[in-house]
Amino acid sequence: MIDKNIQKLIKGNLGIKLDIGCGSNKQHGYIGMDIRAVDGVDIVHDAEKVPYPLPSNCCSTILVSHLVEHICPKIFLSIIDEWWRIMKVQGQLLVAMPYATSYGFYQDPTHCHHMNETSWYYFTPSHPLYQIYHPKPWNIVRNAWWENGNMEVILEKIEEVKSEKR
């Protein structure tokens, strides 16, 4: 159940800033969503369960900091499509995570989803890799990585182009 303050923000149509997997470290100015009901969490919901308890096109920004590497790879396409559903057109998805082959990725026994700089091209229609899965479309705004550290990715939601091929 979404509280009345969040409903007001959604109805204001400006778009909410959503921090998915925030735990007790929700970013200032964001609505926090996490599987655990800890301080700072506004919406208790498992990020791997879709649909989310939010209406379509309600987010201007979604932050997922050190969450993607914990999401089961088999369901990641449906999760990122859900993020696309709740995002406004031109809204931005901000992702921070350990680089696929970094010590930071391998040190945590709960990390199961590794990605590198090329992984994000599967989500942008301007790249041939997009044709493999045809997920909901995003533009890559930023794709920075450090092989011995983290990656920072910003994707921007673009409108879906209806195609006869699917």
Protein backbone atom coordinates (compact mmCIF):
# COMPACT_ATOMS: atom_id res chain seq x y z
CA MET A 1 0.00 0.00 0.00
CA ILE A 2 1.33 3.42 -0.97
CA ASP A 3 0.94 6.17 1.62
CA LYS A 4 -0.97 9.37 0.88
CA ASN A 5 2.12 11.58 0.56
CA ILE A 6 3.54 9.35 -2.18
CA GLN A 7 0.15 9.23 -3.91
CA LYS A 8 0.12 13.06 -3.87
CA LEU A 9 3.54 13.17 -5.49
CA ILE A 10 2.45 10.70 -8.16
CA LYS A 11 -0.74 12.65 -8.89
CA GLY A 12 1.34 15.85 -9.20
CA ASN A 13 2.68 14.29 -12.41
CA LEU A 14 6.18 15.70 -11.93
CA GLY A 15 7.58 12.26 -11.41
CA ILE A 16 8.96 10.76 -8.24
CA LYS A 17 12.58 9.92 -7.55
CA LEU A 18 12.71 6.26 -6.49
CA ASP A 19 15.63 4.60 -4.68
CA ILE A 20 15.16 0.86 -5.22
CA GLY A 21 16.96 -1.35 -2.71
CA CYS A 22 17.76 1.63 -0.51
CA GLY A 23 17.86 -0.26 2.79
CA SER A 24 18.47 2.25 5.58
CA ASN A 25 20.55 4.45 3.25
CA LYS A 26 17.82 6.17 1.23
CA GLN A 27 19.09 9.13 -0.77
CA HIS A 28 17.79 12.59 0.14
CA GLY A 29 14.75 13.59 -1.90
CA TYR A 30 13.97 10.03 -2.95
CA ILE A 31 11.18 7.62 -2.09
CA GLY A 32 12.75 4.43 -0.81
CA MET A 33 11.71 0.91 -1.81
CA ASP A 34 13.24 -2.16 -0.23
CA ILE A 35 12.32 -5.72 0.69
CA ARG A 36 13.02 -4.88 4.35
CA ALA A 37 10.93 -2.51 6.47
CA VAL A 38 13.82 -0.50 7.91
CA ASP A 39 14.13 3.22 8.63
CA GLY A 40 13.83 5.24 5.43
CA VAL A 41 11.89 2.65 3.46
CA ASP A 42 8.60 4.07 2.18
CA ILE A 43 7.49 1.10 0.06
CA VAL A 44 8.18 -2.42 1.28
CA HIS A 45 8.43 -4.55 -1.85
CA ASP A 46 10.79 -7.17 -3.28
CA ALA A 47 12.56 -5.64 -6.31
CA GLU A 48 12.49 -9.04 -8.03
CA LYS A 49 8.68 -9.24 -7.93
CA VAL A 50 6.78 -7.54 -10.76
CA PRO A 51 4.65 -5.61 -11.11
CA TYR A 52 5.72 -3.00 -8.58
CA PRO A 53 2.97 -1.28 -6.55
CA LEU A 54 3.39 1.90 -8.60
CA PRO A 55 1.53 3.24 -11.63
CA SER A 56 3.08 3.46 -15.07
CA ASN A 57 5.07 6.58 -15.96
CA CYS A 58 5.33 7.85 -12.37
CA CYS A 59 9.11 8.12 -11.93
CA SER A 60 11.41 10.83 -13.22
CA THR A 61 14.49 9.12 -11.76
CA ILE A 62 15.17 5.61 -10.52
CA LEU A 63 18.32 4.90 -8.54
CA VAL A 64 19.58 1.33 -8.18
CA SER A 65 22.83 1.44 -6.28
CA HIS A 66 24.48 -1.90 -5.69
CA LEU A 67 21.30 -3.85 -6.37
CA VAL A 68 21.64 -5.18 -9.95
CA GLU A 69 24.39 -7.62 -8.95
CA HIS A 70 21.93 -9.25 -6.51
CA ILE A 71 19.11 -9.74 -9.06
CA CYS A 72 18.71 -13.18 -10.57
CA PRO A 73 20.01 -12.94 -14.16
CA LYS A 74 17.12 -15.07 -15.47
CA ILE A 75 14.60 -12.39 -14.50
CA PHE A 76 16.67 -9.26 -15.13
CA LEU A 77 15.01 -8.51 -18.47
CA SER A 78 11.58 -8.48 -16.83
CA ILE A 79 12.93 -6.28 -13.99
CA ILE A 80 14.47 -3.68 -16.30
CA ASP A 81 11.25 -3.71 -18.36
CA GLU A 82 9.36 -2.99 -15.12
CA TRP A 83 11.69 -0.08 -14.41
CA TRP A 84 10.89 1.16 -17.93
CA ARG A 85 7.14 0.82 -17.23
CA ILE A 86 7.20 2.99 -14.12
CA MET A 87 9.59 5.56 -15.67
CA LYS A 88 8.44 8.68 -17.50
CA VAL A 89 9.74 9.15 -21.04
CA GLN A 90 13.15 10.85 -20.80
CA GLY A 91 13.39 9.78 -17.16
CA GLN A 92 16.74 8.41 -16.06
CA LEU A 93 17.77 5.10 -14.55
CA LEU A 94 20.93 5.54 -12.46
CA VAL A 95 22.87 2.31 -11.89
CA ALA A 96 25.97 1.76 -9.76
CA MET A 97 27.39 -1.71 -9.34
CA PRO A 98 30.70 -3.59 -9.17
CA TYR A 99 32.35 -4.23 -12.52
CA ALA A 100 31.92 -7.86 -13.64
CA THR A 101 35.49 -9.00 -13.04
CA SER A 102 36.36 -6.78 -10.10
CA TYR A 103 37.31 -7.93 -6.63
CA GLY A 104 34.23 -6.06 -5.37
CA PHE A 105 32.00 -8.28 -7.47
CA TYR A 106 33.61 -11.56 -6.43
CA GLN A 107 34.01 -10.78 -2.72
CA ASP A 108 30.28 -10.88 -1.91
CA PRO A 109 28.76 -14.38 -1.88
CA THR A 110 25.33 -12.93 -2.72
CA HIS A 111 26.44 -11.37 -6.01
CA CYS A 112 24.99 -13.44 -8.83
CA HIS A 113 24.56 -11.02 -11.76
CA HIS A 114 27.71 -9.72 -13.37
CA MET A 115 27.68 -7.07 -16.09
CA ASN A 116 30.33 -5.20 -18.03
CA GLU A 117 30.29 -2.14 -20.28
CA THR A 118 28.90 -4.08 -23.26
CA SER A 119 25.95 -5.55 -21.33
CA TRP A 120 24.07 -2.25 -21.51
CA TYR A 121 23.99 -2.26 -25.33
CA TYR A 122 21.34 -5.00 -25.16
CA PHE A 123 18.90 -2.28 -24.03
CA THR A 124 19.44 0.38 -26.71
CA PRO A 125 17.77 -0.01 -30.13
CA SER A 126 20.67 1.73 -31.88
CA HIS A 127 22.95 -1.26 -31.19
CA PRO A 128 22.77 -4.69 -32.94
CA LEU A 129 22.76 -6.52 -29.56
CA TYR A 130 19.30 -5.05 -28.89
CA GLN A 131 17.88 -7.30 -31.61
CA ILE A 132 18.60 -10.42 -29.56
CA TYR A 133 16.04 -9.87 -26.77
CA HIS A 134 14.06 -6.73 -27.79
CA PRO A 135 13.61 -5.37 -24.26
CA LYS A 136 11.91 -2.04 -23.60
CA PRO A 137 14.14 0.68 -25.13
CA TRP A 138 16.63 2.93 -23.38
CA ASN A 139 19.36 5.31 -24.55
CA ILE A 140 22.74 5.10 -22.89
CA VAL A 141 23.63 8.49 -21.43
CA ARG A 142 26.66 7.36 -19.42
CA ASN A 143 28.59 4.10 -19.41
CA ALA A 144 31.67 4.40 -17.21
CA TRP A 145 33.58 1.52 -15.67
CA TRP A 146 36.76 0.66 -13.88
CA GLU A 147 37.91 -2.95 -14.22
CA ASN A 148 39.14 -2.97 -10.63
CA GLY A 149 36.11 -1.13 -9.24
CA ASN A 150 32.56 -0.11 -10.07
CA MET A 151 30.54 0.82 -13.10
CA GLU A 152 28.20 3.77 -13.34
CA VAL A 153 25.50 3.70 -15.98
CA ILE A 154 22.75 6.15 -16.80
CA LEU A 155 19.97 4.99 -19.10
CA GLU A 156 17.23 7.29 -20.37
CA LYS A 157 13.79 5.92 -21.18
CA ILE A 158 12.76 6.38 -24.79
CA GLU A 159 9.41 5.68 -26.32
CA GLU A 160 8.79 2.22 -27.62
CA VAL A 161 8.71 2.00 -31.39
CA LYS A 162 6.02 -0.40 -32.49
CA SER A 163 7.44 -2.98 -34.84
CA GLU A 164 5.93 -5.85 -36.77
CA LYS A 165 8.94 -7.98 -35.83
CA ARG A 166 8.72 -9.27 -32.29
